[in-house]
Amino acid sequence: MRLPCVRVSAKDVEEVLEFLKSRDAYVRNCKVKKLSDGSVAIPVKEDLDMSLIKELPAALVSESCYEDFVCGTLGLSFKDLLTGLIPEGVLRRIPSSYDVIGDIAVINIPEDLLEYGKLIGEAISRVSRNVRAVYAGGYVSGEYRVRELKHVFGDPVSKTVHKEYGLRISVDVLRTYYNPSLAEEHRRIAELANDGELIADLFCGVGPFSLHIASLRNATSYAVDFNPDAIKCLIESI
């Protein structure tokens, strides 16, 4: 992860680290980095007032810098990783949760925060290691009921396969709507169906209800949706 840093001599690392920790300026989940010239780079928070460094004896710090650091994520949320990298007021407006659909993450953030999308996406991908693409955006809209999303990090792919109760559901996050938090509801409704029943699954989307019913019952379900991309995904899931 690329972060601002201060460059110090190896013999001064401990003293400078203690000072930075006491001022809550050190990025604690990242390791210091030994540089090719023998000096050491210590990661500091993005919003750090560099005038703070002037409190240290001039001989201890050679210069400020930017370097790539190895950072751990154990026990940290993606918002923990963003602390110090973006303004506190912005961080408070970012939701603490996001959807993971297959290997794609989707987070709802206001449009005016999209400039921080890359940082948010990178933090999410470091916490959810199976995520290879992150999209950010707002609410469901339009006749096809899809989210208005912008790709902010990772591979530029929108198609994925999400696993739900052993079912493999094809989803295109840009062209179809799917809510992974409704998995239990999909299963609960499917369990209410009986063998031999004829079921109309209106506004089916990518078809999670019909797919669950088909996996549990010997019944006929007519899945109907106005969105051709949703029906295409449903057919791929059968």
Protein backbone atom coordinates (compact mmCIF):
# COMPACT_ATOMS: atom_id res chain seq x y z
CA MET A 1 0.00 0.00 0.00
CA ARG A 2 1.43 3.37 -1.02
CA LEU A 3 1.66 5.77 1.94
CA PRO A 4 3.43 8.96 2.99
CA CYS A 5 6.44 8.34 5.21
CA VAL A 6 9.45 9.82 6.94
CA ARG A 7 12.94 8.57 6.14
CA VAL A 8 15.31 8.04 9.06
CA SER A 9 18.61 6.33 9.72
CA ALA A 10 18.39 2.75 11.00
CA LYS A 11 19.78 3.70 14.43
CA ASP A 12 17.02 6.29 14.96
CA VAL A 13 14.02 4.12 14.03
CA GLU A 14 12.99 3.23 17.58
CA GLU A 15 13.08 6.83 18.83
CA VAL A 16 11.12 8.18 15.86
CA LEU A 17 8.58 5.34 16.07
CA GLU A 18 7.89 6.06 19.73
CA PHE A 19 7.36 9.72 18.94
CA LEU A 20 4.99 9.00 16.04
CA LYS A 21 3.00 6.49 18.09
CA SER A 22 2.62 9.00 20.92
CA ARG A 23 1.12 11.49 18.43
CA ASP A 24 -1.10 8.82 16.77
CA ALA A 25 0.71 9.52 13.50
CA TYR A 26 2.12 6.05 12.76
CA VAL A 27 0.14 3.63 10.55
CA ARG A 28 0.28 0.75 13.02
CA ASN A 29 -0.79 -2.10 10.75
CA CYS A 30 2.07 -1.42 8.29
CA LYS A 31 5.69 -2.49 8.60
CA VAL A 32 8.60 -0.06 8.38
CA LYS A 33 10.60 -0.50 5.20
CA LYS A 34 14.36 -0.72 4.80
CA LEU A 35 15.53 1.22 1.75
CA SER A 36 18.39 0.48 -0.62
CA ASP A 37 20.59 3.21 0.87
CA GLY A 38 20.33 1.67 4.34
CA SER A 39 17.83 4.19 5.69
CA VAL A 40 14.36 3.22 6.93
CA ALA A 41 10.97 4.54 5.79
CA ILE A 42 8.28 4.79 8.48
CA PRO A 43 4.65 5.02 7.25
CA VAL A 44 2.60 7.93 8.57
CA LYS A 45 -1.05 8.89 8.18
CA GLU A 46 -2.13 10.69 5.03
CA ASP A 47 -3.62 13.66 6.88
CA LEU A 48 -0.61 14.12 9.13
CA ASP A 49 0.47 17.72 9.63
CA MET A 50 4.12 17.41 8.59
CA SER A 51 4.97 20.36 10.83
CA LEU A 52 4.63 17.81 13.63
CA ILE A 53 7.86 16.22 12.43
CA LYS A 54 9.65 19.46 13.23
CA GLU A 55 9.24 18.61 16.91
CA LEU A 56 11.86 15.91 16.37
CA PRO A 57 15.56 16.76 16.39
CA ALA A 58 16.53 17.65 12.81
CA ALA A 59 19.23 15.00 12.78
CA LEU A 60 16.68 12.19 13.19
CA VAL A 61 14.62 12.72 10.03
CA SER A 62 16.29 13.13 6.66
CA GLU A 63 13.16 13.83 4.56
CA SER A 64 9.52 13.02 3.92
CA CYS A 65 8.71 10.42 1.28
CA TYR A 66 6.13 8.14 -0.36
CA GLU A 67 6.74 4.38 -0.44
CA ASP A 68 4.89 1.07 -0.89
CA PHE A 69 4.45 -0.73 2.43
CA VAL A 70 3.36 -4.21 3.49
CA CYS A 71 0.27 -3.78 5.66
CA GLY A 72 -1.68 -6.38 7.61
CA THR A 73 -5.49 -6.52 7.91
CA LEU A 74 -6.12 -9.11 10.65
CA GLY A 75 -8.91 -7.88 12.91
CA LEU A 76 -9.34 -4.65 10.93
CA SER A 77 -12.37 -3.40 9.02
CA PHE A 78 -12.01 -1.66 5.67
CA LYS A 79 -12.81 1.63 7.44
CA ASP A 80 -9.96 0.99 9.87
CA LEU A 81 -7.64 0.81 6.87
CA LEU A 82 -8.98 4.15 5.62
CA THR A 83 -8.31 5.95 8.89
CA GLY A 84 -5.70 8.61 8.26
CA LEU A 85 -5.94 8.20 4.49
CA ILE A 86 -9.09 10.25 3.98
CA PRO A 87 -10.62 13.10 6.03
CA GLU A 88 -12.52 12.08 9.18
CA GLY A 89 -15.67 13.86 8.00
CA VAL A 90 -15.64 11.80 4.81
CA LEU A 91 -14.94 8.57 6.69
CA ARG A 92 -18.02 9.09 8.87
CA ARG A 93 -20.22 9.27 5.77
CA ILE A 94 -18.99 5.96 4.36
CA PRO A 95 -21.19 2.98 5.36
CA SER A 96 -19.57 0.24 7.42
CA SER A 97 -20.99 -2.57 5.31
CA TYR A 98 -21.07 -3.55 1.64
CA ASP A 99 -22.43 -6.39 -0.47
CA VAL A 100 -20.20 -9.14 -1.78
CA ILE A 101 -21.76 -10.76 -4.84
CA GLY A 102 -19.57 -13.62 -6.01
CA ASP A 103 -16.15 -12.00 -6.32
CA ILE A 104 -17.51 -8.45 -6.75
CA ALA A 105 -18.10 -5.96 -3.93
CA VAL A 106 -20.75 -3.25 -4.16
CA ILE A 107 -20.86 -0.34 -1.72
CA ASN A 108 -23.43 2.46 -1.62
CA ILE A 109 -21.75 5.84 -1.25
CA PRO A 110 -22.91 9.37 -2.15
CA GLU A 111 -21.82 10.65 -5.55
CA ASP A 112 -19.69 13.40 -4.02
CA LEU A 113 -17.53 10.76 -2.32
CA LEU A 114 -16.71 8.88 -5.52
CA GLU A 115 -13.39 10.73 -5.71
CA TYR A 116 -12.33 8.48 -2.80
CA GLY A 117 -13.62 5.39 -4.60
CA LYS A 118 -10.21 3.94 -5.43
CA LEU A 119 -9.03 4.15 -1.80
CA ILE A 120 -12.30 2.65 -0.57
CA GLY A 121 -12.14 -0.14 -3.14
CA GLU A 122 -8.55 -1.00 -2.31
CA ALA A 123 -9.38 -1.17 1.42
CA ILE A 124 -12.35 -3.47 0.74
CA SER A 125 -10.24 -5.78 -1.44
CA ARG A 126 -7.62 -6.06 1.31
CA VAL A 127 -10.23 -7.11 3.88
CA SER A 128 -12.30 -9.33 1.56
CA ARG A 129 -9.50 -11.18 -0.21
CA ASN A 130 -11.78 -13.01 -2.66
CA VAL A 131 -13.00 -9.70 -4.12
CA ARG A 132 -11.48 -8.88 -7.52
CA ALA A 133 -13.63 -5.87 -8.45
CA VAL A 134 -15.30 -3.10 -6.45
CA TYR A 135 -18.21 -0.95 -7.60
CA ALA A 136 -19.61 2.09 -5.84
CA GLY A 137 -22.83 3.92 -6.39
CA GLY A 138 -26.30 4.64 -5.21
CA TYR A 139 -29.82 3.42 -5.40
CA VAL A 140 -31.86 1.15 -7.65
CA SER A 141 -33.50 3.08 -10.49
CA GLY A 142 -34.94 2.80 -14.00
CA GLU A 143 -37.40 0.39 -15.58
CA TYR A 144 -34.98 -2.51 -15.15
CA ARG A 145 -34.42 -1.78 -11.42
CA VAL A 146 -30.63 -1.77 -11.51
CA ARG A 147 -28.11 0.14 -9.45
CA GLU A 148 -26.23 3.09 -10.92
CA LEU A 149 -22.69 1.89 -10.28
CA LYS A 150 -19.18 3.05 -11.06
CA HIS A 151 -16.17 0.75 -11.19
CA VAL A 152 -13.64 2.07 -8.65
CA PHE A 153 -11.09 -0.70 -8.11
CA GLY A 154 -9.82 -4.03 -9.43
CA ASP A 155 -10.64 -5.88 -12.63
CA PRO A 156 -13.19 -4.10 -14.86
CA VAL A 157 -15.63 -7.03 -14.81
CA SER A 158 -19.32 -6.87 -13.88
CA LYS A 159 -20.33 -10.52 -14.38
CA THR A 160 -19.91 -13.04 -11.59
CA VAL A 161 -21.38 -16.21 -10.09
CA HIS A 162 -22.75 -15.97 -6.56
CA LYS A 163 -23.24 -19.04 -4.38
CA GLU A 164 -26.40 -19.19 -2.27
CA TYR A 165 -27.40 -22.35 -0.37
CA GLY A 166 -25.33 -24.39 -2.81
CA LEU A 167 -26.94 -22.75 -5.85
CA ARG A 168 -24.79 -20.95 -8.42
CA ILE A 169 -26.52 -17.73 -9.45
CA SER A 170 -25.25 -15.76 -12.43
CA VAL A 171 -25.30 -11.99 -11.81
CA ASP A 172 -24.23 -8.93 -13.79
CA VAL A 173 -24.03 -6.13 -11.21
CA LEU A 174 -24.27 -3.40 -13.88
CA ARG A 175 -27.24 -4.84 -15.77
CA THR A 176 -29.25 -6.78 -13.18
CA TYR A 177 -30.36 -6.44 -9.57
CA TYR A 178 -29.47 -8.95 -6.90
CA ASN A 179 -29.39 -8.56 -3.11
CA PRO A 180 -27.29 -11.21 -1.32
CA SER A 181 -28.73 -10.23 2.06
CA LEU A 182 -32.06 -11.77 0.98
CA ALA A 183 -30.64 -15.31 0.78
CA GLU A 184 -32.62 -16.54 3.80
CA GLU A 185 -35.81 -14.99 2.43
CA HIS A 186 -35.28 -16.72 -0.93
CA ARG A 187 -34.95 -20.05 0.87
CA ARG A 188 -37.86 -19.44 3.25
CA ILE A 189 -40.30 -18.65 0.45
CA ALA A 190 -39.09 -21.60 -1.62
CA GLU A 191 -39.73 -23.95 1.30
CA LEU A 192 -43.39 -22.83 1.34
CA ALA A 193 -43.90 -24.25 -2.16
CA ASN A 194 -45.30 -27.75 -2.59
CA ASP A 195 -44.71 -30.47 -5.16
CA GLY A 196 -47.01 -30.18 -8.16
CA GLU A 197 -47.73 -26.48 -7.70
CA LEU A 198 -47.75 -23.94 -10.53
CA ILE A 199 -45.95 -20.76 -9.43
CA ALA A 200 -45.71 -17.31 -11.04
CA ASP A 201 -42.44 -15.60 -10.10
CA LEU A 202 -43.15 -12.06 -11.30
CA PHE A 203 -40.36 -9.46 -11.43
CA CYS A 204 -37.99 -12.37 -10.85
CA GLY A 205 -34.72 -10.55 -11.55
CA VAL A 206 -31.95 -13.14 -11.90
CA GLY A 207 -34.38 -15.72 -10.52
CA PRO A 208 -33.25 -16.61 -6.99
CA PHE A 209 -36.76 -17.61 -5.85
CA SER A 210 -37.37 -19.87 -8.87
CA LEU A 211 -33.90 -21.41 -8.60
CA HIS A 212 -34.49 -22.27 -4.93
CA ILE A 213 -37.93 -23.70 -5.68
CA ALA A 214 -36.52 -25.84 -8.50
CA SER A 215 -33.84 -27.20 -6.19
CA LEU A 216 -36.33 -28.15 -3.45
CA ARG A 217 -39.62 -29.08 -5.09
CA ASN A 218 -41.05 -30.92 -8.08
CA ALA A 219 -43.02 -27.84 -9.07
CA THR A 220 -43.33 -25.55 -12.10
CA SER A 221 -42.26 -21.92 -11.69
CA TYR A 222 -42.76 -19.32 -14.41
CA ALA A 223 -40.03 -16.70 -13.92
CA VAL A 224 -40.91 -13.40 -15.59
CA ASP A 225 -38.95 -10.16 -15.81
CA PHE A 226 -38.88 -7.18 -18.17
CA ASN A 227 -35.07 -7.05 -18.06
CA PRO A 228 -33.60 -9.33 -20.78
CA ASP A 229 -30.19 -9.36 -19.06
CA ALA A 230 -31.81 -10.71 -15.90
CA ILE A 231 -33.48 -13.54 -17.84
CA LYS A 232 -30.19 -14.28 -19.60
CA CYS A 233 -28.47 -14.63 -16.21
CA LEU A 234 -31.27 -16.88 -14.96
CA ILE A 235 -30.91 -19.19 -17.96
CA GLU A 236 -27.16 -19.37 -17.33
CA SER A 237 -27.87 -20.45 -13.74
CA ILE A 238 -30.09 -23.39 -14.68
